[in-house]
Amino acid sequence: MLTALRGGEARITDLARDEPVSFAAVARHVSVLENAGLIRRDVRGREHWLSVEPAGLELAQRWIDEQSSFWAERADLLAGRLARRRRSQ
């Protein structure tokens, strides 16, 4: 759904039309994304328009970068330990 919103605003009904799940499932997913701060909803009359929330995506990207760095460092430490173990055998 985030990919679908890259091009700009869309209504929930527009997003649901392109998904192989029910409207209710799309609405629940939208709610999760909204609660996570990744999208925002603008109610105009009876229509709910959605758009990407750049600040939320930037925060998510920072978290992903931190996790990637942490696990890359851990993997490097493990690789070094295994290399030393092989040399000592």
PDB file of N, CA and C in Angstrom:
ATOM      1  N   MET A   1       0.811  -1.183   0.000  1.00  0.00           N
ATOM      2  CA  MET A   1       0.000   0.000   0.000  1.00  0.00           C
ATOM      3  C   MET A   1       0.857   1.250   0.000  1.00  0.00           C
ATOM      4  N   LEU A   2       1.994   1.168   0.685  1.00  0.00           N
ATOM      5  CA  LEU A   2       2.899   2.319   0.647  1.00  0.00           C
ATOM      6  C   LEU A   2       3.377   2.560  -0.779  1.00  0.00           C
ATOM      7  N   THR A   3       3.617   1.486  -1.497  1.00  0.00           N
ATOM      8  CA  THR A   3       4.037   1.622  -2.893  1.00  0.00           C
ATOM      9  C   THR A   3       2.935   2.275  -3.720  1.00  0.00           C
ATOM     10  N   ALA A   4       1.710   1.894  -3.467  1.00  0.00           N
ATOM     11  CA  ALA A   4       0.593   2.476  -4.214  1.00  0.00           C
ATOM     12  C   ALA A   4       0.440   3.964  -3.924  1.00  0.00           C
ATOM     13  N   LEU A   5       0.853   4.390  -2.736  1.00  0.00           N
ATOM     14  CA  LEU A   5       0.718   5.800  -2.359  1.00  0.00           C
ATOM     15  C   LEU A   5       1.916   6.651  -2.779  1.00  0.00           C
ATOM     16  N   ARG A   6       2.929   6.033  -3.370  1.00  0.00           N
ATOM     17  CA  ARG A   6       4.089   6.819  -3.825  1.00  0.00           C
ATOM     18  C   ARG A   6       3.693   7.878  -4.837  1.00  0.00           C
ATOM     19  N   GLY A   7       2.700   7.566  -5.645  1.00  0.00           N
ATOM     20  CA  GLY A   7       2.285   8.497  -6.690  1.00  0.00           C
ATOM     21  C   GLY A   7       1.417   9.636  -6.188  1.00  0.00           C
ATOM     22  N   GLY A   8       1.055   9.609  -4.922  1.00  0.00           N
ATOM     23  CA  GLY A   8       0.225  10.666  -4.362  1.00  0.00           C
ATOM     24  C   GLY A   8      -0.954  10.099  -3.598  1.00  0.00           C
ATOM     25  N   GLU A   9      -1.874  10.956  -3.285  1.00  0.00           N
ATOM     26  CA  GLU A   9      -3.025  10.562  -2.487  1.00  0.00           C
ATOM     27  C   GLU A   9      -3.905   9.535  -3.203  1.00  0.00           C
ATOM     28  N   ALA A  10      -4.573   8.729  -2.384  1.00  0.00           N
ATOM     29  CA  ALA A  10      -5.542   7.771  -2.916  1.00  0.00           C
ATOM     30  C   ALA A  10      -6.602   7.531  -1.854  1.00  0.00           C
ATOM     31  N   ARG A  11      -7.775   7.168  -2.304  1.00  0.00           N
ATOM     32  CA  ARG A  11      -8.840   6.807  -1.377  1.00  0.00           C
ATOM     33  C   ARG A  11      -8.664   5.342  -0.972  1.00  0.00           C
ATOM     34  N   ILE A  12      -9.180   5.002   0.189  1.00  0.00           N
ATOM     35  CA  ILE A  12      -9.107   3.610   0.632  1.00  0.00           C
ATOM     36  C   ILE A  12      -9.776   2.710  -0.404  1.00  0.00           C
ATOM     37  N   THR A  13     -10.882   3.152  -0.953  1.00  0.00           N
ATOM     38  CA  THR A  13     -11.573   2.332  -1.957  1.00  0.00           C
ATOM     39  C   THR A  13     -10.697   2.087  -3.182  1.00  0.00           C
ATOM     40  N   ASP A  14      -9.879   3.064  -3.552  1.00  0.00           N
ATOM     41  CA  ASP A  14      -8.965   2.882  -4.690  1.00  0.00           C
ATOM     42  C   ASP A  14      -7.922   1.822  -4.361  1.00  0.00           C
ATOM     43  N   LEU A  15      -7.387   1.886  -3.148  1.00  0.00           N
ATOM     44  CA  LEU A  15      -6.386   0.899  -2.743  1.00  0.00           C
ATOM     45  C   LEU A  15      -6.991  -0.492  -2.656  1.00  0.00           C
ATOM     46  N   ALA A  16      -8.188  -0.588  -2.112  1.00  0.00           N
ATOM     47  CA  ALA A  16      -8.835  -1.887  -1.932  1.00  0.00           C
ATOM     48  C   ALA A  16      -9.137  -2.554  -3.270  1.00  0.00           C
ATOM     49  N   ARG A  17      -9.435  -1.753  -4.265  1.00  0.00           N
ATOM     50  CA  ARG A  17      -9.777  -2.301  -5.583  1.00  0.00           C
ATOM     51  C   ARG A  17      -8.620  -3.108  -6.167  1.00  0.00           C
ATOM     52  N   ASP A  18      -7.378  -2.711  -5.880  1.00  0.00           N
ATOM     53  CA  ASP A  18      -6.210  -3.361  -6.465  1.00  0.00           C
ATOM     54  C   ASP A  18      -5.640  -4.491  -5.607  1.00  0.00           C
ATOM     55  N   GLU A  19      -6.256  -4.768  -4.466  1.00  0.00           N
ATOM     56  CA  GLU A  19      -5.725  -5.787  -3.555  1.00  0.00           C
ATOM     57  C   GLU A  19      -6.568  -7.060  -3.628  1.00  0.00           C
ATOM     58  N   PRO A  20      -5.927  -8.224  -3.458  1.00  0.00           N
ATOM     59  CA  PRO A  20      -6.667  -9.497  -3.524  1.00  0.00           C
ATOM     60  C   PRO A  20      -7.310  -9.880  -2.186  1.00  0.00           C
ATOM     61  N   VAL A  21      -7.614  -8.890  -1.348  1.00  0.00           N
ATOM     62  CA  VAL A  21      -8.239  -9.144  -0.053  1.00  0.00           C
ATOM     63  C   VAL A  21      -9.480  -8.265   0.071  1.00  0.00           C
ATOM     64  N   SER A  22     -10.233  -8.477   1.124  1.00  0.00           N
ATOM     65  CA  SER A  22     -11.471  -7.727   1.313  1.00  0.00           C
ATOM     66  C   SER A  22     -11.200  -6.258   1.651  1.00  0.00           C
ATOM     67  N   PHE A  23     -12.225  -5.445   1.478  1.00  0.00           N
ATOM     68  CA  PHE A  23     -12.132  -4.040   1.854  1.00  0.00           C
ATOM     69  C   PHE A  23     -11.826  -3.923   3.341  1.00  0.00           C
ATOM     70  N   ALA A  24     -12.454  -4.769   4.157  1.00  0.00           N
ATOM     71  CA  ALA A  24     -12.222  -4.734   5.609  1.00  0.00           C
ATOM     72  C   ALA A  24     -10.759  -5.009   5.938  1.00  0.00           C
ATOM     73  N   ALA A  25     -10.151  -5.949   5.226  1.00  0.00           N
ATOM     74  CA  ALA A  25      -8.732  -6.263   5.460  1.00  0.00           C
ATOM     75  C   ALA A  25      -7.860  -5.069   5.079  1.00  0.00           C
ATOM     76  N   VAL A  26      -8.179  -4.422   3.982  1.00  0.00           N
ATOM     77  CA  VAL A  26      -7.424  -3.237   3.564  1.00  0.00           C
ATOM     78  C   VAL A  26      -7.594  -2.132   4.601  1.00  0.00           C
ATOM     79  N   ALA A  27      -8.808  -1.929   5.079  1.00  0.00           N
ATOM     80  CA  ALA A  27      -9.069  -0.894   6.084  1.00  0.00           C
ATOM     81  C   ALA A  27      -8.280  -1.176   7.367  1.00  0.00           C
ATOM     82  N   ARG A  28      -8.194  -2.441   7.779  1.00  0.00           N
ATOM     83  CA  ARG A  28      -7.397  -2.788   8.974  1.00  0.00           C
ATOM     84  C   ARG A  28      -5.919  -2.505   8.732  1.00  0.00           C
ATOM     85  N   HIS A  29      -5.434  -2.851   7.557  1.00  0.00           N
ATOM     86  CA  HIS A  29      -4.030  -2.606   7.227  1.00  0.00           C
ATOM     87  C   HIS A  29      -3.733  -1.112   7.210  1.00  0.00           C
ATOM     88  N   VAL A  30      -4.651  -0.342   6.636  1.00  0.00           N
ATOM     89  CA  VAL A  30      -4.504   1.116   6.614  1.00  0.00           C
ATOM     90  C   VAL A  30      -4.435   1.643   8.046  1.00  0.00           C
ATOM     91  N   SER A  31      -5.271   1.115   8.917  1.00  0.00           N
ATOM     92  CA  SER A  31      -5.278   1.541  10.315  1.00  0.00           C
ATOM     93  C   SER A  31      -3.933   1.270  10.983  1.00  0.00           C
ATOM     94  N   VAL A  32      -3.352   0.107  10.712  1.00  0.00           N
ATOM     95  CA  VAL A  32      -2.039  -0.232  11.273  1.00  0.00           C
ATOM     96  C   VAL A  32      -0.977   0.732  10.750  1.00  0.00           C
ATOM     97  N   LEU A  33      -0.972   0.994   9.456  1.00  0.00           N
ATOM     98  CA  LEU A  33      -0.001   1.921   8.877  1.00  0.00           C
ATOM     99  C   LEU A  33      -0.176   3.328   9.435  1.00  0.00           C
ATOM    100  N   GLU A  34      -1.431   3.717   9.642  1.00  0.00           N
ATOM    101  CA  GLU A  34      -1.716   5.033  10.195  1.00  0.00           C
ATOM    102  C   GLU A  34      -1.225   5.124  11.648  1.00  0.00           C
ATOM    103  N   ASN A  35      -1.504   4.096  12.446  1.00  0.00           N
ATOM    104  CA  ASN A  35      -1.051   4.074  13.841  1.00  0.00           C
ATOM    105  C   ASN A  35       0.465   4.047  13.948  1.00  0.00           C
ATOM    106  N   ALA A  36       1.128   3.480  12.951  1.00  0.00           N
ATOM    107  CA  ALA A  36       2.591   3.435  12.930  1.00  0.00           C
ATOM    108  C   ALA A  36       3.193   4.752  12.449  1.00  0.00           C
ATOM    109  N   GLY A  37       2.359   5.677  12.006  1.00  0.00           N
ATOM    110  CA  GLY A  37       2.847   6.972  11.540  1.00  0.00           C
ATOM    111  C   GLY A  37       3.409   6.945  10.133  1.00  0.00           C
ATOM    112  N   LEU A  38       3.072   5.905   9.362  1.00  0.00           N
ATOM    113  CA  LEU A  38       3.613   5.785   8.014  1.00  0.00           C
ATOM    114  C   LEU A  38       2.716   6.420   6.956  1.00  0.00           C
ATOM    115  N   ILE A  39       1.434   6.550   7.269  1.00  0.00           N
ATOM    116  CA  ILE A  39       0.515   7.232   6.360  1.00  0.00           C
ATOM    117  C   ILE A  39      -0.377   8.169   7.178  1.00  0.00           C
ATOM    118  N   ARG A  40      -1.012   9.097   6.482  1.00  0.00           N
ATOM    119  CA  ARG A  40      -1.986   9.971   7.147  1.00  0.00           C
ATOM    120  C   ARG A  40      -3.283   9.935   6.363  1.00  0.00           C
ATOM    121  N   ARG A  41      -4.353  10.176   7.089  1.00  0.00           N
ATOM    122  CA  ARG A  41      -5.697  10.130   6.521  1.00  0.00           C
ATOM    123  C   ARG A  41      -6.306  11.527   6.574  1.00  0.00           C
ATOM    124  N   ASP A  42      -6.925  11.913   5.492  1.00  0.00           N
ATOM    125  CA  ASP A  42      -7.634  13.193   5.429  1.00  0.00           C
ATOM    126  C   ASP A  42      -9.072  12.879   5.023  1.00  0.00           C
ATOM    127  N   VAL A  43     -10.011  13.154   5.919  1.00  0.00           N
ATOM    128  CA  VAL A  43     -11.418  12.880   5.632  1.00  0.00           C
ATOM    129  C   VAL A  43     -12.024  14.103   4.955  1.00  0.00           C
ATOM    130  N   ARG A  44     -12.532  13.892   3.762  1.00  0.00           N
ATOM    131  CA  ARG A  44     -13.186  14.946   2.982  1.00  0.00           C
ATOM    132  C   ARG A  44     -14.595  14.468   2.658  1.00  0.00           C
ATOM    133  N   GLY A  45     -15.537  14.965   3.433  1.00  0.00           N
ATOM    134  CA  GLY A  45     -16.908  14.481   3.261  1.00  0.00           C
ATOM    135  C   GLY A  45     -16.972  13.018   3.658  1.00  0.00           C
ATOM    136  N   ARG A  46     -17.420  12.186   2.730  1.00  0.00           N
ATOM    137  CA  ARG A  46     -17.516  10.746   3.004  1.00  0.00           C
ATOM    138  C   ARG A  46     -16.278   9.984   2.564  1.00  0.00           C
ATOM    139  N   GLU A  47     -15.352  10.650   1.922  1.00  0.00           N
ATOM    140  CA  GLU A  47     -14.171   9.970   1.391  1.00  0.00           C
ATOM    141  C   GLU A  47     -12.986  10.129   2.321  1.00  0.00           C
ATOM    142  N   HIS A  48     -12.245   9.038   2.468  1.00  0.00           N
ATOM    143  CA  HIS A  48     -11.031   9.034   3.277  1.00  0.00           C
ATOM    144  C   HIS A  48      -9.843   8.954   2.321  1.00  0.00           C
ATOM    145  N   TRP A  49      -9.066  10.037   2.268  1.00  0.00           N
ATOM    146  CA  TRP A  49      -7.900  10.114   1.393  1.00  0.00           C
ATOM    147  C   TRP A  49      -6.653   9.807   2.210  1.00  0.00           C
ATOM    148  N   LEU A  50      -5.778   9.010   1.633  1.00  0.00           N
ATOM    149  CA  LEU A  50      -4.549   8.598   2.309  1.00  0.00           C
ATOM    150  C   LEU A  50      -3.342   9.136   1.566  1.00  0.00           C
ATOM    151  N   SER A  51      -2.301   9.417   2.323  1.00  0.00           N
ATOM    152  CA  SER A  51      -1.030   9.821   1.722  1.00  0.00           C
ATOM    153  C   SER A  51       0.111   9.333   2.613  1.00  0.00           C
ATOM    154  N   VAL A  52       1.273   9.254   2.029  1.00  0.00           N
ATOM    155  CA  VAL A  52       2.464   8.827   2.760  1.00  0.00           C
ATOM    156  C   VAL A  52       2.852   9.916   3.755  1.00  0.00           C
ATOM    157  N   GLU A  53       3.297   9.500   4.915  1.00  0.00           N
ATOM    158  CA  GLU A  53       3.781  10.429   5.948  1.00  0.00           C
ATOM    159  C   GLU A  53       5.314  10.360   5.929  1.00  0.00           C
ATOM    160  N   PRO A  54       5.980  11.309   5.246  1.00  0.00           N
ATOM    161  CA  PRO A  54       7.440  11.238   5.088  1.00  0.00           C
ATOM    162  C   PRO A  54       8.206  11.122   6.411  1.00  0.00           C
ATOM    163  N   ALA A  55       7.788  11.836   7.438  1.00  0.00           N
ATOM    164  CA  ALA A  55       8.507  11.782   8.715  1.00  0.00           C
ATOM    165  C   ALA A  55       8.472  10.377   9.299  1.00  0.00           C
ATOM    166  N   GLY A  56       7.345   9.709   9.165  1.00  0.00           N
ATOM    167  CA  GLY A  56       7.238   8.341   9.667  1.00  0.00           C
ATOM    168  C   GLY A  56       8.140   7.382   8.909  1.00  0.00           C
ATOM    169  N   LEU A  57       8.224   7.578   7.602  1.00  0.00           N
ATOM    170  CA  LEU A  57       9.101   6.723   6.794  1.00  0.00           C
ATOM    171  C   LEU A  57      10.567   6.977   7.124  1.00  0.00           C
ATOM    172  N   GLU A  58      10.915   8.235   7.374  1.00  0.00           N
ATOM    173  CA  GLU A  58      12.301   8.553   7.734  1.00  0.00           C
ATOM    174  C   GLU A  58      12.668   7.912   9.067  1.00  0.00           C
ATOM    175  N   LEU A  59      11.759   7.952  10.022  1.00  0.00           N
ATOM    176  CA  LEU A  59      11.993   7.312  11.312  1.00  0.00           C
ATOM    177  C   LEU A  59      12.158   5.802  11.145  1.00  0.00           C
ATOM    178  N   ALA A  60      11.308   5.199  10.334  1.00  0.00           N
ATOM    179  CA  ALA A  60      11.415   3.763  10.073  1.00  0.00           C
ATOM    180  C   ALA A  60      12.747   3.435   9.401  1.00  0.00           C
ATOM    181  N   GLN A  61      13.172   4.269   8.460  1.00  0.00           N
ATOM    182  CA  GLN A  61      14.442   4.034   7.769  1.00  0.00           C
ATOM    183  C   GLN A  61      15.617   4.126   8.729  1.00  0.00           C
ATOM    184  N   ARG A  62      15.572   5.082   9.657  1.00  0.00           N
ATOM    185  CA  ARG A  62      16.638   5.192  10.661  1.00  0.00           C
ATOM    186  C   ARG A  62      16.703   3.931  11.510  1.00  0.00           C
ATOM    187  N   TRP A  63      15.539   3.421  11.913  1.00  0.00           N
ATOM    188  CA  TRP A  63      15.499   2.202  12.721  1.00  0.00           C
ATOM    189  C   TRP A  63      16.065   1.022  11.935  1.00  0.00           C
ATOM    190  N   ILE A  64      15.672   0.899  10.669  1.00  0.00           N
ATOM    191  CA  ILE A  64      16.177  -0.178   9.821  1.00  0.00           C
ATOM    192  C   ILE A  64      17.686  -0.071   9.675  1.00  0.00           C
ATOM    193  N   ASP A  65      18.203   1.142   9.467  1.00  0.00           N
ATOM    194  CA  ASP A  65      19.651   1.348   9.346  1.00  0.00           C
ATOM    195  C   ASP A  65      20.382   0.942  10.626  1.00  0.00           C
ATOM    196  N   GLU A  66      19.819   1.309  11.778  1.00  0.00           N
ATOM    197  CA  GLU A  66      20.434   0.935  13.062  1.00  0.00           C
ATOM    198  C   GLU A  66      20.465  -0.579  13.223  1.00  0.00           C
ATOM    199  N   GLN A  67      19.360  -1.225  12.886  1.00  0.00           N
ATOM    200  CA  GLN A  67      19.298  -2.686  13.009  1.00  0.00           C
ATOM    201  C   GLN A  67      20.281  -3.355  12.051  1.00  0.00           C
ATOM    202  N   SER A  68      20.356  -2.838  10.843  1.00  0.00           N
ATOM    203  CA  SER A  68      21.286  -3.398   9.850  1.00  0.00           C
ATOM    204  C   SER A  68      22.729  -3.283  10.330  1.00  0.00           C
ATOM    205  N   SER A  69      23.088  -2.127  10.868  1.00  0.00           N
ATOM    206  CA  SER A  69      24.448  -1.930  11.380  1.00  0.00           C
ATOM    207  C   SER A  69      24.737  -2.875  12.531  1.00  0.00           C
ATOM    208  N   PHE A  70      23.783  -2.977  13.456  1.00  0.00           N
ATOM    209  CA  PHE A  70      23.960  -3.853  14.610  1.00  0.00           C
ATOM    210  C   PHE A  70      24.187  -5.286  14.171  1.00  0.00           C
ATOM    211  N   TRP A  71      23.314  -5.799  13.292  1.00  0.00           N
ATOM    212  CA  TRP A  71      23.429  -7.201  12.899  1.00  0.00           C
ATOM    213  C   TRP A  71      24.616  -7.449  11.970  1.00  0.00           C
ATOM    214  N   ALA A  72      25.009  -6.479  11.182  1.00  0.00           N
ATOM    215  CA  ALA A  72      26.211  -6.630  10.348  1.00  0.00           C
ATOM    216  C   ALA A  72      27.440  -6.753  11.240  1.00  0.00           C
ATOM    217  N   GLU A  73      27.502  -5.938  12.295  1.00  0.00           N
ATOM    218  CA  GLU A  73      28.613  -6.009  13.237  1.00  0.00           C
ATOM    219  C   GLU A  73      28.635  -7.362  13.939  1.00  0.00           C
ATOM    220  N   ARG A  74      27.479  -7.836  14.362  1.00  0.00           N
ATOM    221  CA  ARG A  74      27.398  -9.140  15.034  1.00  0.00           C
ATOM    222  C   ARG A  74      27.844 -10.261  14.085  1.00  0.00           C
ATOM    223  N   ALA A  75      27.422 -10.183  12.816  1.00  0.00           N
ATOM    224  CA  ALA A  75      27.805 -11.200  11.836  1.00  0.00           C
ATOM    225  C   ALA A  75      29.316 -11.177  11.596  1.00  0.00           C
ATOM    226  N   ASP A  76      29.893  -9.974  11.546  1.00  0.00           N
ATOM    227  CA  ASP A  76      31.340  -9.860  11.366  1.00  0.00           C
ATOM    228  C   ASP A  76      32.088 -10.467  12.553  1.00  0.00           C
ATOM    229  N   LEU A  77      31.601 -10.208  13.761  1.00  0.00           N
ATOM    230  CA  LEU A  77      32.226 -10.794  14.950  1.00  0.00           C
ATOM    231  C   LEU A  77      32.138 -12.311  14.922  1.00  0.00           C
ATOM    232  N   LEU A  78      30.996 -12.837  14.531  1.00  0.00           N
ATOM    233  CA  LEU A  78      30.831 -14.286  14.438  1.00  0.00           C
ATOM    234  C   LEU A  78      31.745 -14.871  13.375  1.00  0.00           C
ATOM    235  N   ALA A  79      31.843 -14.214  12.236  1.00  0.00           N
ATOM    236  CA  ALA A  79      32.722 -14.697  11.163  1.00  0.00           C
ATOM    237  C   ALA A  79      34.176 -14.719  11.637  1.00  0.00           C
ATOM    238  N   GLY A  80      34.588 -13.690  12.359  1.00  0.00           N
ATOM    239  CA  GLY A  80      35.950 -13.654  12.886  1.00  0.00           C
ATOM    240  C   GLY A  80      36.197 -14.768  13.880  1.00  0.00           C
ATOM    241  N   ARG A  81      35.239 -14.995  14.737  1.00  0.00           N
ATOM    242  CA  ARG A  81      35.369 -16.060  15.739  1.00  0.00           C
ATOM    243  C   ARG A  81      35.447 -17.425  15.064  1.00  0.00           C
ATOM    244  N   LEU A  82      34.614 -17.660  14.054  1.00  0.00           N
ATOM    245  CA  LEU A  82      34.654 -18.937  13.348  1.00  0.00           C
ATOM    246  C   LEU A  82      35.963 -19.125  12.575  1.00  0.00           C
ATOM    247  N   ALA A  83      36.490 -18.030  12.008  1.00  0.00           N
ATOM    248  CA  ALA A  83      37.768 -18.114  11.294  1.00  0.00           C
ATOM    249  C   ALA A  83      38.895 -18.465  12.261  1.00  0.00           C
ATOM    250  N   ARG A  84      38.904 -17.825  13.437  1.00  0.00           N
ATOM    251  CA  ARG A  84      39.934 -18.160  14.441  1.00  0.00           C
ATOM    252  C   ARG A  84      39.814 -19.598  14.895  1.00  0.00           C
ATOM    253  N   ARG A  85      38.604 -20.073  15.042  1.00  0.00           N
ATOM    254  CA  ARG A  85      38.372 -21.450  15.497  1.00  0.00           C
ATOM    255  C   ARG A  85      38.898 -22.445  14.456  1.00  0.00           C
ATOM    256  N   ARG A  86      38.646 -22.155  13.165  1.00  0.00           N
ATOM    257  CA  ARG A  86      39.129 -23.035  12.105  1.00  0.00           C
ATOM    258  C   ARG A  86      40.652 -23.075  12.061  1.00  0.00           C
ATOM    259  N   ARG A  87      41.277 -21.916  12.276  1.00  0.00           N
ATOM    260  CA  ARG A  87      42.745 -21.853  12.241  1.00  0.00           C
ATOM    261  C   ARG A  87      43.367 -22.621  13.405  1.00  0.00           C
ATOM    262  N   SER A  88      42.662 -22.647  14.531  1.00  0.00           N
ATOM    263  CA  SER A  88      43.233 -23.303  15.713  1.00  0.00           C
ATOM    264  C   SER A  88      43.014 -24.815  15.684  1.00  0.00           C
ATOM    265  N   GLN A  89      42.217 -25.309  14.780  1.00  0.00           N
ATOM    266  CA  GLN A  89      41.944 -26.763  14.739  1.00  0.00           C
ATOM    267  C   GLN A  89      42.979 -27.485  13.953  1.00  0.00           C
TER     268      GLN A  89
END
